[in-house]
Amino acid sequence: MTSRDSVLSCKSISKYYTKGKDVVKALNNINLEITRGEISSVVGPSGSGKSTLLYVLSGLTPPSEGSIFINELSLSKMQQSQRAAFIRDNIGFVFQDWQLLASLNAYENVLLPLMLKGARSITSEMKEEVLKYFEMFQLLDRTHHYPSELSGGEQQRIAIIRALIKKPSIVFFDEPTGSLDAAAADILTSSIHKAIHQEKCTFIIVSHDSKMLSISNHSYRIEYGKLKQLF
């Protein structure tokens, strides 16, 4: 794989935590390379290190050992303020609890990253782009609904649009189907697949749900902090 094909690579990543007198190795010497424009999933049981891996790969939590490169730039060599700005502009997140702002409607929640990225006003092109995503994720009739007026699946899709709207290099997705019923999970996976093909997005998904394997280009299993490629 050439560097041009790779959006993320990590080398010899380990993450330790102290628990009393014990040292817990949450991640153990992980090497990984993620191809641009693909879905990579990481599955494993609860407590296996999935969420820790997501937070470390995205730069939100520094590794204890090893190095991480996104777009060939080393996160570990960045100053804290540089890394924060880099993450803001280049990384998208969809957290388990979605983190939509209750005081903003769906449309306003999606616009927020553009304002944080420095947009002083919302142009007609930005509005068109937002509505394109709402249509892609089957939410055109929900643009002016507030989070309390949306189902869990709808809130999650709004969170994905919010992550995609700033055109990030990678979107990190934590347990996408954990709180969804089967119908909502099917809509979600279909929408992600459409976004991948139309927008050439890169997703890294961590989940305990083996259904994620069906939409992944590559999949890995993590257990006891060790990562093994499944395909």
Protein backbone atom coordinates (compact mmCIF):
# COMPACT_ATOMS: atom_id res chain seq x y z
CA MET A 1 0.00 0.00 0.00
CA THR A 2 1.43 3.38 -0.94
CA SER A 3 1.27 6.43 1.31
CA ARG A 4 -1.11 7.98 -1.22
CA ASP A 5 -3.60 5.17 -0.56
CA SER A 6 -3.27 5.33 3.21
CA VAL A 7 -5.21 7.87 5.26
CA LEU A 8 -4.14 6.53 8.66
CA SER A 9 -1.33 4.33 9.87
CA CYS A 10 -0.17 3.44 13.33
CA LYS A 11 2.98 1.68 14.41
CA SER A 12 3.50 -0.31 17.63
CA ILE A 13 0.65 1.40 19.49
CA SER A 14 0.18 0.48 23.14
CA LYS A 15 -1.95 2.09 25.82
CA TYR A 16 -1.46 1.46 29.54
CA TYR A 17 -3.58 2.38 32.54
CA THR A 18 -2.73 1.97 36.19
CA LYS A 19 -5.29 0.32 38.43
CA GLY A 20 -4.04 0.40 41.97
CA LYS A 21 -0.69 -1.35 41.86
CA ASP A 22 -1.50 -3.09 38.60
CA VAL A 23 -0.78 -1.91 35.06
CA VAL A 24 -3.57 -2.68 32.59
CA LYS A 25 -2.49 -2.93 28.95
CA ALA A 26 -5.63 -1.76 27.11
CA LEU A 27 -3.86 -1.81 23.73
CA ASN A 28 -0.91 -4.09 23.06
CA ASN A 29 1.53 -3.35 20.21
CA ILE A 30 -1.02 -2.59 17.49
CA ASN A 31 -0.03 -1.94 13.87
CA LEU A 32 -2.69 -0.80 11.43
CA GLU A 33 -3.07 0.90 8.07
CA ILE A 34 -6.40 2.30 6.84
CA THR A 35 -7.12 2.79 3.14
CA ARG A 36 -8.73 6.01 1.96
CA GLY A 37 -12.38 5.73 0.91
CA GLU A 38 -13.13 2.45 2.67
CA ILE A 39 -14.96 1.16 5.73
CA SER A 40 -12.84 -0.59 8.33
CA SER A 41 -14.60 -2.20 11.27
CA VAL A 42 -13.22 -3.34 14.60
CA VAL A 43 -15.34 -5.88 16.46
CA GLY A 44 -14.91 -7.45 19.85
CA PRO A 45 -16.61 -8.09 23.17
CA SER A 46 -17.30 -5.42 25.78
CA GLY A 47 -14.11 -4.37 27.53
CA SER A 48 -11.84 -5.65 24.77
CA GLY A 49 -10.32 -2.23 24.00
CA LYS A 50 -12.48 -1.14 21.06
CA SER A 51 -13.36 2.33 22.33
CA THR A 52 -9.84 2.88 23.64
CA LEU A 53 -8.50 2.09 20.17
CA LEU A 54 -10.92 4.56 18.57
CA TYR A 55 -9.95 7.36 20.95
CA VAL A 56 -6.23 6.69 20.50
CA LEU A 57 -6.36 6.44 16.69
CA SER A 58 -8.37 9.67 16.45
CA GLY A 59 -5.89 11.62 18.58
CA LEU A 60 -8.33 12.28 21.43
CA THR A 61 -6.21 10.14 23.75
CA PRO A 62 -2.41 9.87 23.31
CA PRO A 63 -0.88 6.38 23.17
CA SER A 64 1.56 5.28 25.85
CA GLU A 65 3.86 3.97 23.12
CA GLY A 66 3.99 4.09 19.33
CA SER A 67 3.12 6.61 16.64
CA ILE A 68 0.03 7.56 14.62
CA PHE A 69 0.00 9.25 11.21
CA ILE A 70 -3.05 10.78 9.54
CA ASN A 71 -2.54 12.11 6.00
CA GLU A 72 1.16 11.36 6.57
CA LEU A 73 1.31 13.80 9.51
CA SER A 74 2.48 12.56 12.90
CA LEU A 75 -0.02 13.33 15.68
CA SER A 76 2.61 12.76 18.37
CA LYS A 77 4.87 15.47 16.93
CA MET A 78 2.14 18.11 17.06
CA GLN A 79 1.80 20.57 19.93
CA GLN A 80 -1.45 20.19 21.85
CA SER A 81 -3.02 23.26 20.20
CA GLN A 82 -1.91 22.08 16.73
CA ARG A 83 -3.34 18.63 17.36
CA ALA A 84 -6.65 20.07 18.57
CA ALA A 85 -6.97 22.21 15.43
CA PHE A 86 -5.99 19.27 13.22
CA ILE A 87 -8.62 17.02 14.81
CA ARG A 88 -11.27 19.76 14.52
CA ASP A 89 -10.64 20.22 10.81
CA ASN A 90 -9.81 16.68 9.67
CA ILE A 91 -11.57 14.18 11.94
CA GLY A 92 -15.27 13.42 12.26
CA PHE A 93 -16.79 11.68 15.29
CA VAL A 94 -20.05 9.91 15.93
CA PHE A 95 -20.21 9.09 19.62
CA GLN A 96 -22.46 6.53 21.30
CA ASP A 97 -24.61 9.27 22.86
CA TRP A 98 -24.60 11.36 19.60
CA GLN A 99 -24.04 14.67 21.52
CA LEU A 100 -26.58 16.76 19.62
CA LEU A 101 -27.29 20.16 21.18
CA ALA A 102 -30.83 20.18 22.56
CA SER A 103 -31.29 23.92 21.89
CA LEU A 104 -30.56 23.57 18.15
CA ASN A 105 -32.71 21.89 15.53
CA ALA A 106 -31.32 19.18 13.25
CA TYR A 107 -30.28 21.63 10.52
CA GLU A 108 -28.53 23.93 13.01
CA ASN A 109 -26.73 21.01 14.67
CA VAL A 110 -25.31 20.00 11.29
CA LEU A 111 -24.15 23.56 10.51
CA LEU A 112 -22.26 23.88 13.80
CA PRO A 113 -18.96 22.27 12.64
CA LEU A 114 -18.79 24.67 9.68
CA MET A 115 -19.08 27.63 12.04
CA LEU A 116 -16.45 26.17 14.37
CA LYS A 117 -14.18 25.63 11.38
CA GLY A 118 -14.30 29.36 10.66
CA ALA A 119 -17.23 29.99 8.33
CA ARG A 120 -18.51 33.51 9.11
CA SER A 121 -21.75 33.01 7.23
CA ILE A 122 -23.62 30.12 5.67
CA THR A 123 -23.51 30.34 1.87
CA SER A 124 -26.09 28.95 -0.53
CA GLU A 125 -23.55 26.27 -1.51
CA MET A 126 -23.26 25.18 2.14
CA LYS A 127 -27.04 25.01 2.46
CA GLU A 128 -27.26 22.86 -0.68
CA GLU A 129 -24.59 20.54 0.69
CA VAL A 130 -26.40 20.16 4.02
CA LEU A 131 -29.71 19.37 2.32
CA LYS A 132 -27.97 16.85 0.04
CA TYR A 133 -26.87 14.93 3.13
CA PHE A 134 -30.32 15.15 4.71
CA GLU A 135 -31.74 13.61 1.54
CA MET A 136 -29.04 10.93 1.44
CA PHE A 137 -29.86 9.90 5.01
CA GLN A 138 -33.65 10.03 4.45
CA LEU A 139 -34.15 13.02 6.78
CA LEU A 140 -35.36 15.86 4.55
CA ASP A 141 -38.59 16.11 6.55
CA ARG A 142 -36.68 16.39 9.84
CA THR A 143 -34.47 19.45 9.23
CA HIS A 144 -36.33 21.71 11.67
CA HIS A 145 -37.02 19.10 14.35
CA TYR A 146 -35.21 19.34 17.68
CA PRO A 147 -33.39 16.31 19.14
CA SER A 148 -36.24 15.65 21.59
CA GLU A 149 -38.57 15.31 18.59
CA LEU A 150 -36.40 12.74 16.81
CA SER A 151 -36.10 8.99 17.26
CA GLY A 152 -32.80 7.46 18.33
CA GLY A 153 -32.05 6.34 14.79
CA GLU A 154 -32.82 9.80 13.40
CA GLN A 155 -30.61 11.48 15.98
CA GLN A 156 -27.78 9.14 15.08
CA ARG A 157 -28.09 9.90 11.37
CA ILE A 158 -28.05 13.64 12.17
CA ALA A 159 -24.83 13.05 14.09
CA ILE A 160 -23.33 11.30 11.06
CA ILE A 161 -24.29 14.18 8.76
CA ARG A 162 -22.73 16.60 11.25
CA ALA A 163 -19.52 14.55 11.13
CA LEU A 164 -19.48 14.41 7.31
CA ILE A 165 -20.38 18.02 6.52
CA LYS A 166 -16.87 19.37 7.07
CA LYS A 167 -15.40 16.79 4.65
CA PRO A 168 -13.14 15.04 7.17
CA SER A 169 -10.35 12.68 6.22
CA ILE A 170 -11.81 10.00 8.52
CA VAL A 171 -15.02 9.49 10.46
CA PHE A 172 -14.75 7.49 13.69
CA PHE A 173 -17.95 5.76 14.72
CA ASP A 174 -18.47 4.23 18.18
CA GLU A 175 -21.04 1.38 18.45
CA PRO A 176 -23.37 2.48 15.61
CA THR A 177 -26.13 -0.08 16.12
CA GLY A 178 -25.92 -0.52 19.88
CA SER A 179 -29.21 1.23 20.71
CA LEU A 180 -31.12 0.74 17.43
CA ASP A 181 -33.83 -1.69 16.46
CA ALA A 182 -33.38 -3.84 13.34
CA ALA A 183 -35.22 -1.45 10.97
CA ALA A 184 -33.27 1.62 12.14
CA ALA A 185 -29.99 -0.33 11.94
CA ASP A 186 -30.76 -1.30 8.32
CA ILE A 187 -31.42 2.35 7.36
CA LEU A 188 -28.20 3.36 9.07
CA THR A 189 -25.98 0.81 7.34
CA SER A 190 -27.57 1.60 3.96
CA SER A 191 -26.94 5.33 4.45
CA ILE A 192 -23.32 4.78 5.47
CA HIS A 193 -22.75 2.62 2.39
CA LYS A 194 -24.25 5.33 0.17
CA ALA A 195 -22.03 8.01 1.75
CA ILE A 196 -18.94 5.88 1.16
CA HIS A 197 -19.67 5.46 -2.54
CA GLN A 198 -20.92 8.97 -3.28
CA GLU A 199 -18.56 10.99 -1.11
CA LYS A 200 -15.49 8.70 -0.95
CA CYS A 201 -15.53 8.91 2.85
CA THR A 202 -13.36 6.81 5.13
CA PHE A 203 -15.04 5.22 8.14
CA ILE A 204 -13.50 3.43 11.11
CA ILE A 205 -16.28 1.72 13.03
CA VAL A 206 -15.95 -0.04 16.39
CA SER A 207 -18.78 -2.33 17.35
CA HIS A 208 -19.75 -5.52 19.14
CA ASP A 209 -22.24 -6.17 16.31
CA SER A 210 -21.03 -8.66 13.69
CA LYS A 211 -23.44 -7.04 11.16
CA MET A 212 -20.83 -4.36 10.64
CA LEU A 213 -18.70 -6.95 8.86
CA SER A 214 -21.18 -7.05 5.97
CA ILE A 215 -20.56 -3.40 4.99
CA SER A 216 -16.81 -3.36 5.69
CA ASN A 217 -13.95 -3.52 3.23
CA HIS A 218 -11.66 -4.71 6.00
CA SER A 219 -12.44 -5.97 9.45
CA TYR A 220 -10.45 -6.62 12.61
CA ARG A 221 -11.12 -8.29 15.92
CA ILE A 222 -9.72 -6.91 19.15
CA GLU A 223 -9.46 -8.95 22.32
CA TYR A 224 -7.31 -8.41 25.39
CA GLY A 225 -5.84 -5.36 23.67
CA LYS A 226 -4.49 -7.30 20.67
CA LEU A 227 -5.73 -6.68 17.12
CA LYS A 228 -6.17 -9.43 14.52
CA GLN A 229 -7.27 -8.86 10.92
CA LEU A 230 -10.29 -10.95 9.88
CA PHE A 231 -10.30 -9.89 6.21
